[in-house]
N, C-alpha and C. Protein backbone atom coordinates (compact mmCIF):
# COMPACT_ATOMS: atom_id res chain seq x y z
N MET A 1 10.91 2.37 -26.19
CA MET A 1 10.16 2.85 -24.98
C MET A 1 9.88 4.29 -25.12
N THR A 2 8.76 4.78 -24.53
CA THR A 2 8.46 6.18 -24.50
C THR A 2 9.10 6.83 -23.32
N ALA A 3 9.62 7.90 -23.51
CA ALA A 3 10.27 8.71 -22.42
C ALA A 3 9.23 9.24 -21.45
N ARG A 4 9.72 9.34 -20.27
CA ARG A 4 8.90 9.73 -19.09
C ARG A 4 9.11 11.24 -19.07
N ALA A 5 7.88 12.01 -18.74
CA ALA A 5 8.02 13.39 -18.42
C ALA A 5 8.65 13.60 -17.13
N LYS A 6 9.46 14.77 -16.93
CA LYS A 6 10.17 14.93 -15.73
C LYS A 6 9.38 15.50 -14.58
N SER A 7 8.26 16.20 -14.92
CA SER A 7 7.46 16.79 -13.88
C SER A 7 6.30 15.75 -13.55
N GLY A 8 5.70 16.12 -12.40
CA GLY A 8 4.55 15.29 -11.94
C GLY A 8 4.67 14.73 -10.54
N PRO A 9 3.92 13.85 -10.18
CA PRO A 9 3.80 13.43 -8.67
C PRO A 9 5.05 12.52 -8.47
N PRO A 10 5.45 12.03 -7.14
CA PRO A 10 6.46 11.34 -6.87
C PRO A 10 6.43 9.98 -7.62
N LEU A 11 7.49 9.41 -8.00
CA LEU A 11 7.58 8.17 -8.55
C LEU A 11 6.82 7.20 -7.81
N ARG A 12 6.98 7.14 -6.46
CA ARG A 12 6.36 6.25 -5.53
C ARG A 12 5.82 7.09 -4.42
N SER A 13 4.54 6.74 -4.13
CA SER A 13 3.95 7.37 -3.05
C SER A 13 3.00 6.52 -2.25
N ALA A 14 2.73 7.05 -1.00
CA ALA A 14 1.65 6.41 -0.07
C ALA A 14 0.86 7.48 0.63
N GLU A 15 -0.27 7.56 -0.04
CA GLU A 15 -1.29 8.71 0.54
C GLU A 15 -2.08 8.13 1.56
N LEU A 16 -2.18 8.82 2.65
CA LEU A 16 -3.02 8.39 3.81
C LEU A 16 -4.21 9.24 4.03
N SER A 17 -5.48 8.60 4.24
CA SER A 17 -6.61 9.41 4.38
C SER A 17 -7.02 9.53 5.77
N ARG A 18 -7.06 10.80 6.22
CA ARG A 18 -7.58 11.05 7.56
C ARG A 18 -8.98 10.82 7.77
N GLU A 19 -9.82 10.91 6.82
CA GLU A 19 -11.16 10.62 6.83
C GLU A 19 -11.52 9.06 6.99
N ALA A 20 -10.80 8.28 6.08
CA ALA A 20 -10.93 6.90 6.14
C ALA A 20 -10.46 6.34 7.55
N LEU A 21 -9.39 6.92 8.03
CA LEU A 21 -8.94 6.32 9.33
C LEU A 21 -9.85 6.77 10.49
N ALA A 22 -10.32 8.01 10.49
CA ALA A 22 -11.38 8.36 11.54
C ALA A 22 -12.68 7.48 11.37
N THR A 23 -13.02 7.17 10.24
CA THR A 23 -14.23 6.42 10.05
C THR A 23 -14.01 4.84 10.69
N ASN A 24 -12.93 4.33 10.25
CA ASN A 24 -12.52 3.04 10.68
C ASN A 24 -12.31 2.99 12.23
N LEU A 25 -11.90 4.03 12.88
CA LEU A 25 -11.57 3.96 14.28
C LEU A 25 -12.93 4.28 14.98
N ARG A 26 -13.75 4.95 14.38
CA ARG A 26 -15.14 5.11 15.17
C ARG A 26 -15.93 3.87 15.17
N ALA A 27 -15.73 3.09 14.05
CA ALA A 27 -16.39 1.80 13.99
C ALA A 27 -15.82 0.83 14.97
N LEU A 28 -14.59 0.82 15.21
CA LEU A 28 -13.80 0.07 16.18
C LEU A 28 -14.28 0.32 17.60
N ARG A 29 -14.31 1.65 17.85
CA ARG A 29 -14.77 2.12 19.15
C ARG A 29 -16.16 1.72 19.41
N ALA A 30 -17.02 1.80 18.46
CA ALA A 30 -18.52 1.48 18.58
C ALA A 30 -18.59 -0.03 18.87
N LYS A 31 -17.68 -0.90 18.36
CA LYS A 31 -17.70 -2.31 18.52
C LYS A 31 -17.15 -2.70 19.85
N HIS A 32 -16.05 -1.93 20.36
CA HIS A 32 -15.43 -2.45 21.47
C HIS A 32 -15.67 -1.39 22.71
N SER A 33 -16.42 -0.32 22.46
CA SER A 33 -16.71 0.69 23.56
C SER A 33 -15.32 1.31 23.93
N ASP A 34 -15.01 1.64 25.15
CA ASP A 34 -13.87 2.28 25.65
C ASP A 34 -12.78 1.32 25.87
N GLU A 35 -12.87 0.01 25.52
CA GLU A 35 -11.83 -0.87 25.65
C GLU A 35 -10.96 -1.04 24.59
N VAL A 36 -11.22 -0.30 23.35
CA VAL A 36 -10.38 -0.60 22.33
C VAL A 36 -9.05 0.20 22.51
N ALA A 37 -7.98 -0.54 22.08
CA ALA A 37 -6.58 0.14 22.07
C ALA A 37 -6.02 0.08 20.68
N ILE A 38 -5.56 1.24 20.27
CA ILE A 38 -4.96 1.33 18.83
C ILE A 38 -3.55 0.85 18.82
N ASP A 39 -3.06 0.04 17.90
CA ASP A 39 -1.70 -0.42 17.78
C ASP A 39 -0.90 0.59 17.14
N LEU A 40 0.08 1.24 17.80
CA LEU A 40 0.97 2.26 17.27
C LEU A 40 2.36 1.83 17.30
N ARG A 41 2.62 0.71 17.45
CA ARG A 41 3.99 0.25 17.44
C ARG A 41 4.69 0.44 16.17
N SER A 42 6.07 0.48 16.19
CA SER A 42 6.86 0.89 15.13
C SER A 42 6.48 2.28 14.50
N ASN A 43 6.11 3.24 15.39
CA ASN A 43 5.71 4.60 14.89
C ASN A 43 4.57 4.41 13.98
N ALA A 44 3.55 3.53 14.32
CA ALA A 44 2.38 3.34 13.60
C ALA A 44 2.72 2.83 12.14
N LEU A 45 3.57 1.77 12.21
CA LEU A 45 4.13 1.20 10.95
C LEU A 45 4.83 2.21 10.07
N GLY A 46 5.41 3.13 10.77
CA GLY A 46 6.12 4.17 9.79
C GLY A 46 5.21 5.29 9.51
N PHE A 47 4.00 5.37 9.72
CA PHE A 47 3.19 6.47 9.29
C PHE A 47 3.07 7.65 10.25
N GLY A 48 3.61 7.51 11.50
CA GLY A 48 3.52 8.49 12.45
C GLY A 48 2.64 8.26 13.62
N SER A 49 3.20 7.83 14.69
CA SER A 49 2.20 7.53 15.75
C SER A 49 1.52 8.72 16.39
N ALA A 50 2.21 10.03 16.29
CA ALA A 50 1.57 11.32 16.68
C ALA A 50 0.30 11.55 15.96
N GLU A 51 0.51 11.32 14.56
CA GLU A 51 -0.79 11.72 13.75
C GLU A 51 -1.93 10.74 13.87
N VAL A 52 -1.56 9.43 13.77
CA VAL A 52 -2.50 8.42 14.01
C VAL A 52 -3.11 8.47 15.39
N GLY A 53 -2.32 8.72 16.32
CA GLY A 53 -2.83 8.88 17.66
C GLY A 53 -3.72 9.92 17.88
N ARG A 54 -3.40 11.09 17.29
CA ARG A 54 -4.29 12.31 17.44
C ARG A 54 -5.71 12.02 16.90
N ILE A 55 -5.73 11.32 15.64
CA ILE A 55 -7.05 11.05 15.02
C ILE A 55 -7.71 10.06 15.92
N ALA A 56 -7.08 9.14 16.54
CA ALA A 56 -7.74 8.18 17.40
C ALA A 56 -8.30 8.74 18.64
N HIS A 57 -7.62 9.74 19.21
CA HIS A 57 -7.98 10.42 20.32
C HIS A 57 -9.24 11.35 20.07
N ASP A 58 -9.28 12.01 18.80
CA ASP A 58 -10.36 12.85 18.44
C ASP A 58 -11.78 12.00 18.23
N VAL A 59 -11.56 10.73 17.93
CA VAL A 59 -12.82 9.89 17.82
C VAL A 59 -13.10 9.15 19.16
N GLY A 60 -12.31 9.43 20.17
CA GLY A 60 -12.70 8.83 21.54
C GLY A 60 -11.92 7.68 22.05
N ILE A 61 -11.05 7.20 21.27
CA ILE A 61 -10.20 6.15 21.72
C ILE A 61 -9.22 6.58 22.89
N ARG A 62 -9.00 5.79 23.87
CA ARG A 62 -8.27 6.25 25.06
C ARG A 62 -6.91 5.59 25.12
N TYR A 63 -6.78 4.35 24.51
CA TYR A 63 -5.54 3.64 24.83
C TYR A 63 -4.73 3.36 23.61
N CYS A 64 -3.56 3.07 23.82
CA CYS A 64 -2.67 2.68 22.61
C CYS A 64 -1.62 1.70 23.09
N LEU A 65 -1.17 0.92 22.14
CA LEU A 65 -0.22 -0.16 22.23
C LEU A 65 1.11 0.46 21.62
N LEU A 66 2.19 0.44 22.38
CA LEU A 66 3.43 1.18 22.02
C LEU A 66 4.60 0.30 22.09
N ASP A 67 5.73 0.64 21.45
CA ASP A 67 6.99 -0.01 21.73
C ASP A 67 7.52 0.57 22.91
N GLY A 68 8.47 -0.10 23.58
CA GLY A 68 9.10 0.41 24.74
C GLY A 68 9.54 1.77 24.82
N ALA A 69 10.27 2.38 23.80
CA ALA A 69 10.82 3.57 23.69
C ALA A 69 10.07 4.73 23.12
N GLN A 70 8.69 4.25 22.64
CA GLN A 70 7.94 5.30 22.16
C GLN A 70 7.27 6.24 23.27
N VAL A 71 7.12 7.38 22.65
CA VAL A 71 6.46 8.50 23.52
C VAL A 71 4.89 8.33 23.27
N THR A 72 4.23 8.30 24.39
CA THR A 72 2.72 8.17 24.26
C THR A 72 2.14 9.50 23.71
N PRO A 73 1.33 9.32 22.45
CA PRO A 73 0.78 10.45 21.86
C PRO A 73 -0.12 11.28 22.86
N THR A 74 -0.34 12.55 22.68
CA THR A 74 -1.15 13.52 23.45
C THR A 74 -2.53 12.94 23.53
N GLY A 75 -3.07 12.80 24.72
CA GLY A 75 -4.48 12.44 24.93
C GLY A 75 -4.84 10.92 25.01
N LEU A 76 -3.78 10.16 24.79
CA LEU A 76 -3.86 8.61 24.84
C LEU A 76 -2.90 8.25 26.08
N ALA A 77 -3.31 7.02 26.64
CA ALA A 77 -2.49 6.24 27.66
C ALA A 77 -2.16 5.12 27.15
N ALA A 78 -0.88 4.52 27.69
CA ALA A 78 -0.50 3.26 27.25
C ALA A 78 -1.51 2.29 27.68
N VAL A 79 -1.72 1.30 27.03
CA VAL A 79 -2.83 0.21 27.34
C VAL A 79 -2.52 -0.47 28.63
N PRO A 80 -3.60 -0.54 29.38
CA PRO A 80 -3.41 -1.22 30.68
C PRO A 80 -2.94 -2.73 30.68
N LYS A 81 -2.31 -3.25 31.52
CA LYS A 81 -1.84 -4.69 31.48
C LYS A 81 -2.96 -5.62 31.50
N GLY A 82 -2.87 -6.63 30.65
CA GLY A 82 -3.92 -7.60 30.56
C GLY A 82 -5.08 -7.25 29.59
N SER A 83 -4.92 -6.25 28.69
CA SER A 83 -5.92 -5.54 27.98
C SER A 83 -6.29 -6.44 26.77
N LEU A 84 -7.17 -5.83 26.46
CA LEU A 84 -8.30 -5.36 25.60
C LEU A 84 -8.12 -5.75 24.21
N ALA A 85 -8.58 -4.83 23.17
CA ALA A 85 -8.60 -5.14 21.82
C ALA A 85 -7.60 -4.31 21.13
N PHE A 86 -6.65 -4.77 20.59
CA PHE A 86 -5.64 -4.11 19.79
C PHE A 86 -6.14 -4.07 18.28
N SER A 87 -6.43 -2.82 17.85
CA SER A 87 -7.11 -2.67 16.52
C SER A 87 -6.22 -2.45 15.41
N SER A 88 -6.50 -2.99 14.32
CA SER A 88 -5.93 -2.86 13.06
C SER A 88 -6.74 -1.55 12.42
N TRP A 89 -5.96 -0.55 12.24
CA TRP A 89 -6.64 0.74 11.80
C TRP A 89 -6.60 1.11 10.21
N TRP A 90 -5.97 0.17 9.58
CA TRP A 90 -5.55 0.48 8.20
C TRP A 90 -6.71 0.13 7.14
N SER A 91 -7.68 -0.51 7.66
CA SER A 91 -8.88 -0.83 6.76
C SER A 91 -10.05 -0.97 7.71
N GLY A 92 -11.22 -0.96 6.95
CA GLY A 92 -12.59 -0.88 7.60
C GLY A 92 -13.61 -0.39 6.85
N PRO A 93 -14.81 0.15 7.39
CA PRO A 93 -15.82 0.62 6.64
C PRO A 93 -15.56 1.93 5.96
N GLY A 94 -14.54 2.64 6.43
CA GLY A 94 -14.30 3.88 5.74
C GLY A 94 -13.31 3.76 4.42
N GLY A 95 -12.90 2.54 4.27
CA GLY A 95 -12.17 2.20 3.06
C GLY A 95 -10.70 2.13 3.54
N PRO A 96 -9.84 1.92 2.52
CA PRO A 96 -8.34 1.80 2.78
C PRO A 96 -7.79 3.10 3.27
N VAL A 97 -6.98 3.06 4.30
CA VAL A 97 -6.35 4.23 4.85
C VAL A 97 -5.17 4.60 3.90
N VAL A 98 -4.38 3.65 3.42
CA VAL A 98 -3.20 3.79 2.61
C VAL A 98 -3.50 3.31 1.27
N ASN A 99 -2.98 4.37 0.46
CA ASN A 99 -2.87 4.15 -1.06
C ASN A 99 -1.62 4.13 -1.57
N PHE A 100 -1.06 3.07 -1.89
CA PHE A 100 0.32 2.97 -2.33
C PHE A 100 0.31 2.85 -3.88
N SER A 101 1.07 3.81 -4.57
CA SER A 101 0.96 3.93 -6.00
C SER A 101 2.28 4.33 -6.53
N ALA A 102 2.44 4.10 -7.80
CA ALA A 102 3.73 4.48 -8.55
C ALA A 102 3.34 4.93 -9.80
N THR A 103 4.36 5.46 -10.58
CA THR A 103 4.28 6.03 -11.94
C THR A 103 4.50 5.12 -12.94
N VAL A 104 3.68 4.97 -14.08
CA VAL A 104 4.13 4.23 -15.26
C VAL A 104 5.13 4.98 -15.99
N ILE A 105 6.33 4.51 -16.17
CA ILE A 105 7.53 5.23 -16.74
C ILE A 105 7.84 4.90 -18.09
N SER A 106 7.16 3.77 -18.67
CA SER A 106 7.38 3.50 -20.08
C SER A 106 6.27 2.47 -20.58
N ILE A 107 6.12 2.60 -21.81
CA ILE A 107 5.13 1.52 -22.41
C ILE A 107 5.69 0.97 -23.67
N LYS A 108 5.38 -0.34 -23.84
CA LYS A 108 6.00 -1.01 -24.84
C LYS A 108 4.97 -1.98 -25.54
N ASP A 109 4.81 -1.91 -26.78
CA ASP A 109 3.98 -2.93 -27.47
C ASP A 109 4.89 -4.13 -27.88
N VAL A 110 4.43 -5.33 -27.67
CA VAL A 110 5.34 -6.48 -27.87
C VAL A 110 4.52 -7.48 -28.59
N PRO A 111 5.29 -8.44 -29.33
CA PRO A 111 4.49 -9.62 -29.91
C PRO A 111 4.30 -10.76 -29.07
N ALA A 112 3.55 -11.67 -29.35
CA ALA A 112 3.41 -12.96 -28.57
C ALA A 112 4.81 -13.52 -28.42
N GLY A 113 4.95 -14.25 -27.14
CA GLY A 113 6.20 -14.89 -26.89
C GLY A 113 7.22 -14.14 -26.47
N THR A 114 7.02 -12.77 -26.14
CA THR A 114 8.09 -12.00 -25.66
C THR A 114 8.39 -12.18 -24.12
N PRO A 115 9.73 -12.62 -23.89
CA PRO A 115 10.24 -12.91 -22.64
C PRO A 115 10.28 -11.57 -21.74
N VAL A 116 9.93 -11.76 -20.48
CA VAL A 116 9.83 -10.53 -19.65
C VAL A 116 10.56 -10.75 -18.29
N SER A 117 11.44 -9.87 -17.86
CA SER A 117 12.04 -9.70 -16.54
C SER A 117 12.98 -10.88 -16.49
N TYR A 118 13.64 -10.88 -15.21
CA TYR A 118 14.76 -11.89 -15.02
C TYR A 118 14.39 -13.31 -15.09
N GLY A 119 15.28 -14.00 -15.64
CA GLY A 119 15.00 -15.40 -15.96
C GLY A 119 13.99 -15.77 -16.94
N TYR A 120 13.37 -14.76 -17.54
CA TYR A 120 12.39 -15.02 -18.55
C TYR A 120 11.37 -15.97 -18.15
N GLU A 121 11.01 -15.93 -16.88
CA GLU A 121 9.93 -16.92 -16.37
C GLU A 121 8.51 -16.48 -16.89
N TYR A 122 8.38 -15.39 -17.49
CA TYR A 122 7.04 -14.95 -18.14
C TYR A 122 7.37 -14.64 -19.51
N ARG A 123 6.45 -15.14 -20.36
CA ARG A 123 6.41 -14.94 -21.82
C ARG A 123 5.01 -14.48 -22.14
N THR A 124 4.86 -13.46 -23.02
CA THR A 124 3.53 -13.10 -23.37
C THR A 124 2.75 -14.11 -24.14
N ALA A 125 1.46 -14.20 -23.84
CA ALA A 125 0.72 -15.15 -24.52
C ALA A 125 0.27 -14.81 -25.93
N GLN A 126 0.22 -13.49 -26.09
CA GLN A 126 -0.11 -12.87 -27.32
C GLN A 126 0.33 -11.53 -27.46
N GLU A 127 0.10 -10.98 -28.70
CA GLU A 127 0.46 -9.49 -28.86
C GLU A 127 -0.14 -8.66 -27.78
N THR A 128 0.68 -7.76 -27.03
CA THR A 128 0.13 -7.07 -25.87
C THR A 128 0.96 -5.86 -25.69
N THR A 129 0.51 -5.15 -24.66
CA THR A 129 1.28 -3.96 -24.19
C THR A 129 1.70 -4.13 -22.86
N LEU A 130 3.04 -3.86 -22.61
CA LEU A 130 3.60 -3.93 -21.31
C LEU A 130 3.92 -2.50 -20.75
N ALA A 131 3.45 -2.40 -19.40
CA ALA A 131 3.67 -1.11 -18.73
C ALA A 131 4.79 -1.23 -17.71
N LEU A 132 5.75 -0.42 -17.73
CA LEU A 132 6.90 -0.41 -16.70
C LEU A 132 6.56 0.59 -15.57
N VAL A 133 6.37 0.05 -14.37
CA VAL A 133 5.92 0.76 -13.24
C VAL A 133 7.23 0.90 -12.25
N SER A 134 7.27 2.11 -11.70
CA SER A 134 8.43 2.55 -10.91
C SER A 134 8.32 2.12 -9.55
N ALA A 135 8.11 0.98 -9.25
CA ALA A 135 8.10 0.33 -7.83
C ALA A 135 8.53 -1.09 -7.89
N GLY A 136 9.50 -1.37 -7.02
CA GLY A 136 9.93 -2.85 -6.86
C GLY A 136 10.09 -3.25 -5.41
N PHE A 137 10.78 -4.36 -5.22
CA PHE A 137 10.81 -5.06 -4.01
C PHE A 137 11.63 -4.17 -2.94
N ALA A 138 12.54 -3.22 -3.38
CA ALA A 138 13.15 -2.27 -2.41
C ALA A 138 12.18 -1.27 -2.02
N ASP A 139 11.06 -1.05 -2.56
CA ASP A 139 10.10 -0.03 -2.28
C ASP A 139 8.94 -0.77 -1.46
N GLY A 140 9.05 -1.97 -1.23
CA GLY A 140 8.01 -2.69 -0.42
C GLY A 140 7.03 -3.59 -1.28
N VAL A 141 7.25 -3.82 -2.60
CA VAL A 141 6.39 -4.51 -3.43
C VAL A 141 6.84 -6.06 -3.16
N PRO A 142 6.21 -6.95 -2.49
CA PRO A 142 6.68 -8.23 -2.32
C PRO A 142 6.65 -9.18 -3.63
N ARG A 143 7.63 -9.96 -3.78
CA ARG A 143 7.72 -10.79 -4.89
C ARG A 143 6.79 -12.04 -4.63
N CYS A 144 5.72 -12.28 -5.31
CA CYS A 144 4.75 -13.23 -5.12
C CYS A 144 3.93 -13.59 -6.31
N PRO A 145 3.70 -14.83 -6.47
CA PRO A 145 2.88 -15.33 -7.77
C PRO A 145 1.41 -14.74 -7.62
N GLY A 146 0.96 -14.50 -8.80
CA GLY A 146 -0.53 -14.17 -8.93
C GLY A 146 -0.95 -12.73 -8.53
N ALA A 147 0.05 -11.85 -8.24
CA ALA A 147 -0.23 -10.53 -7.82
C ALA A 147 -0.55 -9.60 -9.10
N MET A 148 -1.34 -8.63 -8.76
CA MET A 148 -1.85 -7.87 -9.84
C MET A 148 -1.80 -6.34 -9.38
N ILE A 149 -1.77 -5.33 -10.24
CA ILE A 149 -1.58 -3.97 -10.02
C ILE A 149 -2.75 -3.28 -10.84
N GLY A 150 -3.16 -2.07 -10.34
CA GLY A 150 -4.33 -1.52 -10.87
C GLY A 150 -3.77 -0.21 -11.75
N ILE A 151 -4.29 -0.22 -12.91
CA ILE A 151 -3.99 0.93 -13.88
C ILE A 151 -5.24 1.35 -14.63
N GLY A 152 -5.62 2.67 -14.38
CA GLY A 152 -6.94 3.19 -15.07
C GLY A 152 -8.16 2.43 -14.73
N GLY A 153 -8.30 2.13 -13.26
CA GLY A 153 -9.38 1.43 -12.76
C GLY A 153 -9.50 -0.08 -13.08
N MET A 154 -8.57 -0.61 -13.67
CA MET A 154 -8.63 -2.11 -13.96
C MET A 154 -7.41 -2.63 -13.34
N CYS A 155 -7.54 -3.99 -13.01
CA CYS A 155 -6.33 -4.74 -12.56
C CYS A 155 -5.69 -5.64 -13.54
N PHE A 156 -4.37 -5.66 -13.57
CA PHE A 156 -3.70 -6.35 -14.50
C PHE A 156 -2.52 -7.19 -13.81
N PRO A 157 -2.03 -8.37 -14.47
CA PRO A 157 -1.16 -9.19 -13.78
C PRO A 157 0.19 -8.58 -13.94
N ILE A 158 1.01 -8.86 -12.88
CA ILE A 158 2.59 -8.47 -12.97
C ILE A 158 3.12 -9.47 -13.89
N ALA A 159 4.03 -9.00 -14.78
CA ALA A 159 4.56 -9.99 -15.75
C ALA A 159 6.04 -10.16 -15.31
N GLY A 160 6.25 -11.39 -14.95
CA GLY A 160 7.65 -11.72 -14.62
C GLY A 160 7.99 -11.37 -13.15
N ARG A 161 9.31 -11.52 -12.86
CA ARG A 161 9.79 -11.22 -11.54
C ARG A 161 9.92 -9.75 -11.33
N ILE A 162 9.36 -9.34 -10.05
CA ILE A 162 9.56 -7.98 -9.62
C ILE A 162 11.03 -7.64 -9.30
N ALA A 163 11.46 -6.52 -9.91
CA ALA A 163 12.83 -6.10 -9.74
C ALA A 163 13.03 -5.13 -8.50
N MET A 164 14.29 -4.69 -8.32
CA MET A 164 14.52 -3.89 -7.10
C MET A 164 13.67 -2.62 -7.22
N ASP A 165 13.77 -1.96 -8.34
CA ASP A 165 13.20 -0.75 -8.57
C ASP A 165 12.02 -0.63 -9.36
N GLN A 166 11.56 -1.60 -10.16
CA GLN A 166 10.50 -1.64 -11.07
C GLN A 166 9.74 -3.03 -11.16
N CYS A 167 8.66 -2.98 -11.66
CA CYS A 167 8.03 -4.09 -12.24
C CYS A 167 7.22 -3.91 -13.47
N VAL A 168 6.82 -4.95 -14.15
CA VAL A 168 6.15 -4.85 -15.47
C VAL A 168 4.89 -5.36 -15.42
N VAL A 169 3.82 -4.70 -15.92
CA VAL A 169 2.44 -5.13 -15.91
C VAL A 169 2.03 -5.35 -17.26
N ASP A 170 1.39 -6.38 -17.52
CA ASP A 170 0.85 -6.78 -18.76
C ASP A 170 -0.62 -6.37 -18.85
N VAL A 171 -0.83 -5.16 -19.72
CA VAL A 171 -2.06 -4.52 -19.81
C VAL A 171 -3.02 -4.93 -20.95
N GLY A 172 -2.43 -5.93 -21.71
CA GLY A 172 -3.30 -6.33 -22.79
C GLY A 172 -3.49 -5.32 -23.97
N ASN A 173 -4.64 -5.08 -24.37
CA ASN A 173 -4.97 -4.10 -25.39
C ASN A 173 -5.66 -2.95 -24.76
N VAL A 174 -5.60 -2.80 -23.39
CA VAL A 174 -6.18 -1.62 -22.69
C VAL A 174 -5.21 -0.38 -22.84
N PRO A 175 -5.70 0.64 -23.30
CA PRO A 175 -4.84 1.94 -23.41
C PRO A 175 -4.17 2.22 -22.03
N ALA A 176 -2.87 2.52 -22.19
CA ALA A 176 -2.10 2.98 -20.90
C ALA A 176 -1.04 4.00 -21.43
N GLU A 177 -0.78 4.96 -20.65
CA GLU A 177 0.15 6.07 -21.07
C GLU A 177 1.19 6.21 -19.96
N VAL A 178 2.34 6.76 -20.49
CA VAL A 178 3.47 7.20 -19.69
C VAL A 178 2.82 8.21 -18.70
N GLY A 179 3.11 8.14 -17.31
CA GLY A 179 2.61 9.16 -16.47
C GLY A 179 1.37 8.68 -15.77
N ASP A 180 0.73 7.71 -16.20
CA ASP A 180 -0.46 7.06 -15.54
C ASP A 180 -0.04 6.60 -14.05
N ARG A 181 -0.84 6.54 -13.06
CA ARG A 181 -0.54 6.16 -11.88
C ARG A 181 -1.09 4.57 -11.64
N ALA A 182 -0.18 3.81 -11.16
CA ALA A 182 -0.41 2.42 -11.06
C ALA A 182 -0.69 2.17 -9.47
N THR A 183 -1.86 1.50 -9.10
CA THR A 183 -2.05 1.34 -7.71
C THR A 183 -1.54 0.03 -7.41
N ILE A 184 -0.57 0.06 -6.53
CA ILE A 184 -0.10 -1.34 -5.98
C ILE A 184 -1.12 -1.86 -4.97
N TRP A 185 -1.52 -1.08 -3.99
CA TRP A 185 -2.72 -1.42 -3.12
C TRP A 185 -3.42 -0.13 -2.67
N GLY A 186 -4.79 -0.34 -2.57
CA GLY A 186 -5.61 0.84 -2.16
C GLY A 186 -7.07 0.33 -2.41
N GLU A 187 -7.80 0.97 -3.18
CA GLU A 187 -9.14 0.55 -3.44
C GLU A 187 -9.06 -0.76 -4.22
N SER A 188 -8.22 -0.97 -5.24
CA SER A 188 -8.29 -2.05 -6.12
C SER A 188 -6.92 -2.06 -6.83
N PRO A 189 -6.10 -3.22 -6.62
CA PRO A 189 -6.17 -4.22 -5.54
C PRO A 189 -6.22 -3.64 -4.24
N THR A 190 -6.50 -4.51 -3.24
CA THR A 190 -6.71 -4.08 -1.83
C THR A 190 -5.32 -4.63 -1.09
N LEU A 191 -5.24 -3.92 0.07
CA LEU A 191 -4.02 -4.59 0.89
C LEU A 191 -4.34 -5.96 1.20
N ALA A 192 -5.58 -6.29 1.56
CA ALA A 192 -5.90 -7.64 1.91
C ALA A 192 -5.59 -8.63 0.71
N GLN A 193 -5.82 -8.20 -0.41
CA GLN A 193 -5.46 -9.11 -1.50
C GLN A 193 -3.94 -9.26 -1.61
N TRP A 194 -3.22 -8.45 -1.39
CA TRP A 194 -1.71 -8.51 -1.44
C TRP A 194 -1.23 -9.22 -0.33
N SER A 195 -1.94 -9.20 0.83
CA SER A 195 -1.64 -10.03 2.11
C SER A 195 -1.82 -11.57 1.80
N SER A 196 -2.90 -11.74 0.96
CA SER A 196 -3.18 -13.18 0.56
C SER A 196 -2.11 -13.72 -0.45
N TRP A 197 -1.89 -12.76 -1.50
CA TRP A 197 -0.86 -13.16 -2.55
C TRP A 197 0.44 -13.61 -2.05
N SER A 198 0.89 -12.68 -1.13
CA SER A 198 2.34 -12.71 -0.50
C SER A 198 2.35 -13.54 0.64
N GLU A 199 1.16 -13.94 1.24
CA GLU A 199 1.28 -14.79 2.65
C GLU A 199 1.94 -13.93 3.58
N ARG A 200 1.81 -12.57 3.70
CA ARG A 200 2.26 -11.79 4.76
C ARG A 200 1.09 -11.14 5.42
N PRO A 201 1.35 -10.67 6.72
CA PRO A 201 0.21 -9.94 7.40
C PRO A 201 0.19 -8.52 6.76
N GLU A 202 -0.99 -7.92 6.77
CA GLU A 202 -1.17 -6.64 6.25
C GLU A 202 -0.28 -5.48 6.90
N ALA A 203 -0.13 -5.74 8.18
CA ALA A 203 0.72 -4.83 8.94
C ALA A 203 2.13 -4.79 8.54
N ALA A 204 2.63 -5.99 8.22
CA ALA A 204 4.06 -6.15 7.74
C ALA A 204 4.16 -5.66 6.35
N LEU A 205 3.15 -5.69 5.55
CA LEU A 205 3.36 -5.10 4.30
C LEU A 205 3.42 -3.50 4.31
N LEU A 206 2.65 -3.02 5.26
CA LEU A 206 2.69 -1.56 5.43
C LEU A 206 3.91 -1.03 6.03
N ALA A 207 4.45 -1.87 6.97
CA ALA A 207 5.63 -1.50 7.76
C ALA A 207 6.92 -1.70 6.82
N HIS A 208 6.85 -2.40 5.73
CA HIS A 208 8.07 -2.68 4.94
C HIS A 208 8.05 -1.67 3.68
N LEU A 209 7.21 -0.70 3.48
CA LEU A 209 7.37 0.37 2.47
C LEU A 209 8.75 1.00 2.46
N GLY A 210 9.38 1.11 1.39
CA GLY A 210 10.62 1.67 1.50
C GLY A 210 10.75 3.11 1.65
N SER A 211 12.03 3.58 2.03
CA SER A 211 12.24 4.97 2.19
C SER A 211 12.01 5.93 1.11
N ARG A 212 12.05 5.27 -0.19
CA ARG A 212 11.77 6.25 -1.37
C ARG A 212 10.35 6.32 -1.53
N VAL A 213 9.53 5.74 -0.88
CA VAL A 213 7.99 5.98 -1.02
C VAL A 213 7.59 7.19 -0.13
N VAL A 214 7.06 8.31 -0.93
CA VAL A 214 6.81 9.54 -0.23
C VAL A 214 5.49 9.41 0.43
N LYS A 215 5.39 9.56 1.76
CA LYS A 215 4.26 9.43 2.52
C LYS A 215 3.54 10.68 2.81
N SER A 216 2.19 11.01 2.64
CA SER A 216 1.56 12.06 2.77
C SER A 216 0.28 11.98 3.28
N TRP A 217 -0.30 12.86 4.21
CA TRP A 217 -1.76 12.74 4.70
C TRP A 217 -2.60 13.62 3.84
N ARG A 218 -3.81 13.34 3.60
CA ARG A 218 -4.78 14.15 2.94
C ARG A 218 -6.05 14.18 3.63
């Protein structure tokens, strides 16, 4: 295995795009007019109801849906009883708001028939390259069949069972290096694809990102 460099971005990160969020919310407001209410429960799925609420207010949204103990963000009002349209803000015409990625921490060339991960449920069909990605089910990557991860602009299958801290990706003969960023969901693959693979709502996937995932706005 190739050793990982000590410097670089966080092993696991979720980058949030203000521009994509604003574009998505403008589209929702145009569709529903003043009746749209943004869902900010669970502190906006852990991404911060104050920041998401501020951007919503800036594009003209007036109402929000909150948990009972939450403080209403400045400029918004709790949604009136019997309301309206509760909007999913994490996707839309502006593109994905959340890009969840992790670092490739090792690369290994292996022969055909190599068993991978717990229980050896996966064996390589041919000579290939395996990339070890530093995110697992403790970070919010759900165990599900058929899931893929993006590396270098291409999507590759997860090889074997997802571990607590890591997962393995079979990249075939495509060059990959230690330090590459692997997209769990974002542009490709998408959050919607992961929702389909895991049979979980998109909001549940976002809300279950682990505490080790470093979240930042850009």
